[in-house]
């Protein structure tokens, strides 16, 4: 079963320095039908103007993943962690019992385009933590590569939830297959480009919830960047 979530139906907030689209209910955007997908609570597509960003603010009890699509993002937090996140690098910030951080566009001339993802952890009050991992361009091309998982396998960052996050880049004409194990569901988000999934043409910002399937083929209609989340069905 496939349920399509169109880009044009997402929440939207444009603050000038920040242009943000909300796949799920977030901040002042509320839609009871789209509160999340299992423990996947937030997918925000953000474009941050050159030199602008989020001043220091706090989070608690959330696994926060950042995936930069273009540009560069500078991070600083209360653990003393810091650095610049580039395309092909995933950042995981474990908010745990409390963490403060800031995020700024690292460029004074170019915007940064990113996805910020929040996943509810399977345990509250964890010790805050930070991880950042880079993946080679070859490992992201032509497939959806594991970048975050509960056990940190295949070089992915570890998260406190039964969830696998994958990311990849498909050139026009490329095909990739998503497989679902029994009792699992997948959220597939088109970050850039255009793809086709079982007759549905999906554009940048579109997403599809996949349930009760065993496999699904993706065809890139143009060069595309994708992310997916493999999650357990609710018990």
Protein backbone atom coordinates (compact mmCIF):
# COMPACT_ATOMS: atom_id res chain seq x y z
CA UNK A 1 0.00 0.00 0.00
CA UNK A 2 1.33 3.41 -1.01
CA UNK A 3 0.23 6.77 0.43
CA UNK A 4 1.61 9.83 -1.33
CA UNK A 5 2.38 13.05 0.55
CA UNK A 6 2.70 15.89 -1.97
CA UNK A 7 5.21 18.69 -1.51
CA UNK A 8 2.52 21.32 -2.07
CA UNK A 9 0.52 19.97 0.90
CA UNK A 10 3.35 20.43 3.41
CA UNK A 11 3.48 23.17 6.00
CA UNK A 12 5.52 26.20 4.97
CA UNK A 13 7.18 29.09 6.79
CA UNK A 14 9.32 31.75 5.12
CA UNK A 15 11.18 33.98 7.58
CA UNK A 16 13.36 35.65 4.96
CA UNK A 17 16.62 34.18 6.23
CA UNK A 18 14.94 30.73 6.49
CA UNK A 19 12.59 29.11 4.01
CA UNK A 20 11.26 25.90 5.58
CA UNK A 21 8.83 23.19 4.48
CA UNK A 22 7.40 20.80 7.08
CA UNK A 23 6.46 17.27 6.01
CA UNK A 24 4.90 16.67 9.44
CA UNK A 25 3.29 18.99 11.99
CA UNK A 26 5.92 21.37 13.34
CA UNK A 27 5.96 24.69 15.21
CA UNK A 28 2.82 26.65 14.25
CA UNK A 29 1.89 24.16 11.48
CA UNK A 30 -0.55 21.55 12.77
CA UNK A 31 -2.28 18.80 10.81
CA UNK A 32 -3.67 15.90 12.89
CA UNK A 33 -3.39 13.63 9.84
CA UNK A 34 0.36 14.26 9.59
CA UNK A 35 1.85 14.19 13.07
CA UNK A 36 4.64 11.83 12.04
CA UNK A 37 5.24 8.31 10.81
CA UNK A 38 5.87 6.06 13.77
CA UNK A 39 8.91 7.44 15.62
CA UNK A 40 9.78 9.63 12.60
CA UNK A 41 8.54 12.95 13.92
CA UNK A 42 10.07 15.72 11.77
CA UNK A 43 11.36 16.11 8.23
CA UNK A 44 12.03 19.80 7.62
CA UNK A 45 13.44 20.94 4.29
CA UNK A 46 15.34 24.12 5.11
CA UNK A 47 17.06 26.72 2.96
CA UNK A 48 19.16 29.12 5.01
CA UNK A 49 20.40 32.40 3.57
CA UNK A 50 24.16 33.16 3.44
CA UNK A 51 25.56 34.00 6.87
CA UNK A 52 22.22 33.37 8.61
CA UNK A 53 21.15 30.60 10.95
CA UNK A 54 19.64 29.41 14.20
CA UNK A 55 21.09 31.01 17.35
CA UNK A 56 21.71 28.82 20.39
CA UNK A 57 18.60 26.91 21.43
CA UNK A 58 17.82 23.72 23.34
CA UNK A 59 16.44 20.25 22.61
CA UNK A 60 15.58 17.23 24.75
CA UNK A 61 14.83 13.54 24.15
CA UNK A 62 15.20 13.46 20.37
CA UNK A 63 17.60 11.92 17.87
CA UNK A 64 18.29 14.77 15.42
CA UNK A 65 19.82 13.99 12.03
CA UNK A 66 21.01 16.59 9.53
CA UNK A 67 21.61 15.79 5.86
CA UNK A 68 22.99 18.63 3.73
CA UNK A 69 21.90 18.61 0.08
CA UNK A 70 23.98 21.59 -1.07
CA UNK A 71 26.08 24.25 0.60
CA UNK A 72 27.58 23.94 4.08
CA UNK A 73 26.26 24.18 7.65
CA UNK A 74 28.28 25.13 10.75
CA UNK A 75 27.36 23.50 14.06
CA UNK A 76 28.29 24.34 17.69
CA UNK A 77 26.85 22.73 20.83
CA UNK A 78 27.06 22.65 24.62
CA UNK A 79 29.14 19.45 24.51
CA UNK A 80 31.94 21.36 22.81
CA UNK A 81 31.29 19.65 19.48
CA UNK A 82 31.53 21.72 16.37
CA UNK A 83 32.37 21.71 12.71
CA UNK A 84 31.04 22.18 9.22
CA UNK A 85 28.63 19.67 7.64
CA UNK A 86 28.95 19.19 3.88
CA UNK A 87 26.94 17.22 1.31
CA UNK A 88 27.61 13.50 1.80
CA UNK A 89 28.00 13.89 5.58
CA UNK A 90 25.40 12.98 8.18
CA UNK A 91 25.27 14.63 11.57
CA UNK A 92 23.56 12.97 14.52
CA UNK A 93 22.90 14.99 17.64
CA UNK A 94 21.44 13.04 20.55
CA UNK A 95 19.52 15.57 22.62
CA UNK A 96 19.04 13.14 25.50
CA UNK A 97 18.36 14.84 28.83
CA UNK A 98 19.25 18.20 27.29
CA UNK A 99 21.58 19.88 24.81
CA UNK A 100 21.97 23.40 23.40
CA UNK A 101 23.30 24.15 19.94
CA UNK A 102 23.47 26.66 17.11
CA UNK A 103 23.42 26.13 13.34
CA UNK A 104 24.57 28.69 10.78
CA UNK A 105 25.15 28.75 7.07
CA UNK A 106 28.93 28.43 6.83
CA UNK A 107 29.00 30.53 3.65
CA UNK A 108 28.60 34.30 3.38
CA UNK A 109 27.69 34.04 -0.32
CA UNK A 110 25.79 30.78 -0.98
CA UNK A 111 22.60 29.40 0.59
CA UNK A 112 22.58 26.01 2.31
CA UNK A 113 19.86 23.46 1.52
CA UNK A 114 19.33 20.67 4.04
CA UNK A 115 16.98 18.17 5.58
CA UNK A 116 16.62 18.15 9.36
CA UNK A 117 15.11 14.96 10.73
CA UNK A 118 13.85 14.25 14.23
CA UNK A 119 13.37 10.66 15.40
CA UNK A 120 11.91 9.89 18.80
CA UNK A 121 14.32 7.72 20.82
CA UNK A 122 13.37 4.39 22.36
CA UNK A 123 14.58 5.61 25.74
CA UNK A 124 14.27 8.97 27.50
CA UNK A 125 16.91 10.80 29.52
CA UNK A 126 19.89 9.50 27.55
CA UNK A 127 23.30 11.08 27.78
CA UNK A 128 23.58 13.72 25.04
CA UNK A 129 25.97 12.92 22.22
CA UNK A 130 27.26 13.97 18.83
CA UNK A 131 28.48 12.11 15.76
CA UNK A 132 29.35 13.15 12.21
CA UNK A 133 30.23 10.73 9.42
CA UNK A 134 31.21 11.32 5.79
CA UNK A 135 30.35 8.90 2.99
CA UNK A 136 32.22 8.66 -0.28
CA UNK A 137 30.36 9.94 -3.37
CA UNK A 138 30.63 6.49 -4.97
CA UNK A 139 28.85 4.85 -2.02
CA UNK A 140 25.88 7.21 -2.43
CA UNK A 141 25.56 6.96 -6.19
CA UNK A 142 23.03 4.67 -7.83
CA UNK A 143 21.61 3.32 -4.58
CA UNK A 144 20.19 4.16 -1.17
CA UNK A 145 23.04 3.67 1.29
CA UNK A 146 22.58 3.11 5.03
CA UNK A 147 23.65 6.26 6.90
CA UNK A 148 21.95 5.82 10.32
CA UNK A 149 20.84 2.72 12.23
CA UNK A 150 20.31 1.37 15.71
CA UNK A 151 23.50 -0.71 15.65
CA UNK A 152 25.72 1.59 13.58
CA UNK A 153 26.39 -1.15 11.04
CA UNK A 154 28.04 -0.55 7.66
CA UNK A 155 29.67 2.62 8.94
CA UNK A 156 26.36 4.36 9.70
CA UNK A 157 25.84 6.60 12.72
CA UNK A 158 24.09 4.92 15.65
CA UNK A 159 20.67 6.11 16.80
CA UNK A 160 18.54 5.02 19.76
CA UNK A 161 15.59 3.69 17.74
CA UNK A 162 14.72 0.70 15.57
CA UNK A 163 15.08 2.77 12.41
CA UNK A 164 17.33 2.63 9.34
CA UNK A 165 17.91 5.86 7.44
CA UNK A 166 19.27 5.58 3.91
CA UNK A 167 20.32 8.25 1.42
CA UNK A 168 21.48 8.21 -2.14
CA UNK A 169 21.72 9.87 -5.52
CA UNK A 170 20.20 8.43 -8.68
CA UNK A 171 21.14 9.69 -12.13
CA UNK A 172 18.38 9.97 -14.72
CA UNK A 173 17.46 6.45 -15.82
CA UNK A 174 18.90 4.76 -12.73
CA UNK A 175 16.76 2.21 -10.89
CA UNK A 176 16.92 1.13 -7.26
CA UNK A 177 14.83 -1.30 -5.24
CA UNK A 178 13.48 -0.83 -1.72
CA UNK A 179 12.80 -4.08 0.13
CA UNK A 180 10.55 -4.39 3.17
CA UNK A 181 10.89 -7.15 5.72
CA UNK A 182 7.66 -8.43 7.32
CA UNK A 183 6.44 -6.05 10.02
CA UNK A 184 8.30 -3.06 8.55
CA UNK A 185 7.22 0.15 6.82
CA UNK A 186 9.16 2.73 4.82
CA UNK A 187 8.94 6.48 4.33
CA UNK A 188 10.60 7.61 1.07
CA UNK A 189 11.33 11.33 0.63
CA UNK A 190 12.36 12.94 -2.66
CA UNK A 191 14.89 15.60 -1.68
CA UNK A 192 15.71 16.81 -5.20
CA UNK A 193 14.83 15.72 -8.72
CA UNK A 194 11.97 13.53 -9.93
CA UNK A 195 11.30 9.80 -9.68
CA UNK A 196 8.64 7.24 -10.52
CA UNK A 197 7.35 4.62 -8.08
CA UNK A 198 4.71 2.17 -9.30
CA UNK A 199 3.18 4.66 -11.70
CA UNK A 200 3.37 7.61 -9.31
CA UNK A 201 5.55 10.49 -10.53
CA UNK A 202 7.10 12.10 -7.45
CA UNK A 203 8.88 15.47 -7.51
CA UNK A 204 11.22 17.24 -5.10
CA UNK A 205 9.55 17.53 -1.69
CA UNK A 206 7.08 14.71 -2.39
CA UNK A 207 7.10 11.59 -0.22
CA UNK A 208 5.44 8.21 -0.12
CA UNK A 209 4.57 5.98 2.84
CA UNK A 210 5.03 2.30 1.95
CA UNK A 211 3.33 -0.47 3.94
CA UNK A 212 2.39 -4.12 3.40
CA UNK A 213 4.76 -4.48 0.44
CA UNK A 214 7.78 -6.74 -0.07
CA UNK A 215 9.69 -4.71 -2.66
CA UNK A 216 9.29 -1.53 -4.66
CA UNK A 217 11.29 -0.30 -7.64
CA UNK A 218 12.31 3.35 -7.97
CA UNK A 219 13.16 4.87 -11.35
CA UNK A 220 14.86 8.27 -11.55
CA UNK A 221 13.23 10.45 -14.21
CA UNK A 222 16.01 13.01 -13.70
CA UNK A 223 19.04 13.33 -11.42
CA UNK A 224 17.62 12.94 -7.91
CA UNK A 225 18.57 12.80 -4.23
CA UNK A 226 16.48 10.55 -1.98
CA UNK A 227 16.26 9.59 1.68
CA UNK A 228 14.30 6.71 3.19
CA UNK A 229 13.39 5.50 6.67
CA UNK A 230 12.77 1.81 7.41
CA UNK A 231 10.72 1.51 10.59
CA UNK A 232 8.91 -1.15 12.58
CA UNK A 233 5.14 -1.27 12.26
CA UNK A 234 3.30 -0.07 15.34
CA UNK A 235 2.56 -2.94 17.70
